[in-house]
């Protein structure tokens, strides 16, 4: 009977420890995604689309408004490069919330973005929201899917 009580106590302590670690792990992942998002923005601003491609899973998917789905890290990076070539382009975004699946292999973060450039009709600017699905590949988080859309007219 004593061994059973010790086992129950050990399992209870383990569960309490794991539950207490949950918020800390979520915070760690949010900080990691914040750093990866900052790395992505810095690469965009530097026109380093090879660095953006390196942040993506090989079969990554981009779902941009008004465009067909774009699949594959190279094709997605090429699309971002085309947007990066716009006159006086500026982009910024940041995550608001992140969550990791219990398996630890998939996660998502969502947040807000701003995108602006000079068009032939004059300055263009939009604010919107996004969701990025992250996939752990060889121990590193990679972008598996990215979807964004604007918030519409104020």
Protein backbone atom coordinates (compact mmCIF):
# COMPACT_ATOMS: atom_id res chain seq x y z
CA UNK A 1 0.00 0.00 0.00
CA UNK A 2 2.84 2.42 0.79
CA UNK A 3 4.36 1.90 -2.67
CA UNK A 4 1.02 2.70 -4.28
CA UNK A 5 0.69 5.92 -2.23
CA UNK A 6 4.23 6.93 -3.18
CA UNK A 7 3.48 6.28 -6.85
CA UNK A 8 0.28 8.35 -6.69
CA UNK A 9 2.16 11.18 -4.92
CA UNK A 10 4.96 11.07 -7.52
CA UNK A 11 2.50 11.18 -10.43
CA UNK A 12 0.60 14.05 -8.78
CA UNK A 13 3.82 16.04 -8.33
CA UNK A 14 4.80 15.35 -11.93
CA UNK A 15 1.43 16.57 -13.22
CA UNK A 16 1.55 19.70 -11.07
CA UNK A 17 5.06 20.41 -12.38
CA UNK A 18 4.03 19.90 -16.00
CA UNK A 19 0.96 22.11 -15.60
CA UNK A 20 3.05 24.82 -13.98
CA UNK A 21 5.51 24.65 -16.89
CA UNK A 22 2.76 25.21 -19.49
CA UNK A 23 2.65 29.03 -19.26
CA UNK A 24 6.45 29.23 -19.17
CA UNK A 25 6.70 27.10 -22.31
CA UNK A 26 4.07 29.24 -24.05
CA UNK A 27 6.03 32.37 -23.11
CA UNK A 28 9.26 30.80 -24.41
CA UNK A 29 7.62 29.96 -27.75
CA UNK A 30 6.09 33.44 -28.03
CA UNK A 31 9.54 34.96 -27.51
CA UNK A 32 10.98 32.58 -30.08
CA UNK A 33 8.30 33.51 -32.65
CA UNK A 34 8.78 37.21 -31.87
CA UNK A 35 12.49 36.79 -32.66
CA UNK A 36 11.75 34.84 -35.87
CA UNK A 37 9.20 37.47 -36.95
CA UNK A 38 11.75 40.22 -36.31
CA UNK A 39 14.30 38.25 -38.33
CA UNK A 40 11.78 37.97 -41.19
CA UNK A 41 11.06 41.73 -41.17
CA UNK A 42 14.79 42.55 -41.09
CA UNK A 43 15.38 40.21 -44.05
CA UNK A 44 12.52 41.85 -46.01
CA UNK A 45 13.89 45.33 -45.32
CA UNK A 46 17.35 44.17 -46.45
CA UNK A 47 15.92 42.54 -49.62
CA UNK A 48 17.35 39.24 -48.38
CA UNK A 49 14.70 36.91 -49.73
CA UNK A 50 17.01 33.91 -49.45
CA UNK A 51 16.86 34.46 -45.68
CA UNK A 52 13.06 34.55 -45.86
CA UNK A 53 13.09 31.32 -47.88
CA UNK A 54 15.29 29.74 -45.19
CA UNK A 55 12.61 30.50 -42.57
CA UNK A 56 10.04 28.45 -44.50
CA UNK A 57 9.23 24.77 -44.65
CA UNK A 58 10.02 23.34 -48.10
CA UNK A 59 6.29 22.88 -48.84
CA UNK A 60 5.17 26.15 -47.22
CA UNK A 61 1.95 27.78 -48.35
CA UNK A 62 1.13 31.48 -48.77
CA UNK A 63 -2.52 32.55 -48.90
CA UNK A 64 -2.53 36.23 -49.83
CA UNK A 65 -5.72 38.20 -50.49
CA UNK A 66 -6.81 38.32 -54.11
CA UNK A 67 -4.21 35.77 -55.21
CA UNK A 68 -4.17 32.03 -55.80
CA UNK A 69 -2.37 29.86 -53.22
CA UNK A 70 1.41 29.85 -53.60
CA UNK A 71 3.18 26.67 -52.57
CA UNK A 72 6.83 25.97 -51.92
CA UNK A 73 9.47 27.99 -50.09
CA UNK A 74 11.12 29.25 -53.28
CA UNK A 75 7.83 30.36 -54.89
CA UNK A 76 6.70 32.08 -51.68
CA UNK A 77 10.05 33.89 -51.34
CA UNK A 78 9.77 35.01 -54.97
CA UNK A 79 6.32 36.47 -54.28
CA UNK A 80 7.67 38.39 -51.28
CA UNK A 81 10.58 39.57 -53.46
CA UNK A 82 8.10 40.95 -56.01
CA UNK A 83 6.36 42.89 -53.25
CA UNK A 84 9.75 43.96 -51.90
CA UNK A 85 10.48 45.63 -55.25
CA UNK A 86 7.56 48.05 -54.90
CA UNK A 87 8.57 51.73 -54.56
CA UNK A 88 9.12 52.85 -50.97
CA UNK A 89 7.73 49.60 -49.62
CA UNK A 90 7.43 49.25 -45.86
CA UNK A 91 6.20 46.28 -43.85
CA UNK A 92 5.98 45.52 -40.19
CA UNK A 93 4.17 42.94 -38.11
CA UNK A 94 4.18 41.39 -34.71
CA UNK A 95 2.55 38.50 -32.97
CA UNK A 96 -0.19 38.94 -30.42
CA UNK A 97 -0.70 35.32 -29.40
CA UNK A 98 1.04 31.97 -29.92
CA UNK A 99 0.02 28.43 -29.14
CA UNK A 100 1.86 25.13 -29.51
CA UNK A 101 0.17 21.77 -30.08
CA UNK A 102 0.67 19.20 -27.33
CA UNK A 103 2.89 17.19 -29.70
CA UNK A 104 5.30 20.13 -29.90
CA UNK A 105 5.52 19.77 -33.68
CA UNK A 106 3.02 22.43 -34.78
CA UNK A 107 2.21 25.89 -33.53
CA UNK A 108 0.59 29.08 -34.70
CA UNK A 109 0.88 32.73 -34.00
CA UNK A 110 -1.36 35.57 -35.03
CA UNK A 111 -1.00 39.28 -34.96
CA UNK A 112 -1.26 42.52 -36.89
CA UNK A 113 0.66 43.94 -39.83
CA UNK A 114 1.11 47.16 -41.74
CA UNK A 115 2.06 47.28 -45.41
CA UNK A 116 2.66 50.41 -47.47
CA UNK A 117 4.20 51.48 -50.78
CA UNK A 118 3.95 54.19 -53.42
CA UNK A 119 1.62 53.21 -56.25
CA UNK A 120 1.00 55.01 -59.55
CA UNK A 121 -2.20 56.37 -57.98
CA UNK A 122 -0.36 57.63 -54.89
CA UNK A 123 0.59 56.24 -51.50
CA UNK A 124 -1.00 52.92 -50.55
CA UNK A 125 -1.23 51.69 -46.96
CA UNK A 126 -3.11 48.92 -45.23
CA UNK A 127 -3.43 47.42 -41.80
CA UNK A 128 -4.41 43.82 -41.34
CA UNK A 129 -4.08 40.60 -39.43
CA UNK A 130 -2.30 37.33 -40.08
CA UNK A 131 -1.95 33.76 -38.91
CA UNK A 132 1.25 31.80 -39.39
CA UNK A 133 1.35 28.05 -38.84
CA UNK A 134 4.78 26.91 -37.71
CA UNK A 135 6.16 23.40 -38.08
CA UNK A 136 9.17 22.07 -36.20
CA UNK A 137 11.63 20.63 -38.73
CA UNK A 138 14.95 19.22 -37.55
CA UNK A 139 14.56 21.09 -34.26
CA UNK A 140 13.85 24.50 -35.84
CA UNK A 141 10.54 26.29 -36.31
CA UNK A 142 9.70 26.86 -40.00
CA UNK A 143 6.75 28.65 -41.59
CA UNK A 144 4.35 26.00 -42.90
CA UNK A 145 1.47 28.31 -43.85
CA UNK A 146 0.91 32.05 -43.87
CA UNK A 147 -2.41 33.78 -44.44
CA UNK A 148 -3.17 37.47 -44.12
CA UNK A 149 -5.90 39.94 -45.01
CA UNK A 150 -6.57 43.60 -44.50
CA UNK A 151 -8.93 45.08 -41.96
CA UNK A 152 -10.89 46.98 -44.59
CA UNK A 153 -11.67 50.66 -44.66
CA UNK A 154 -11.94 52.36 -41.25
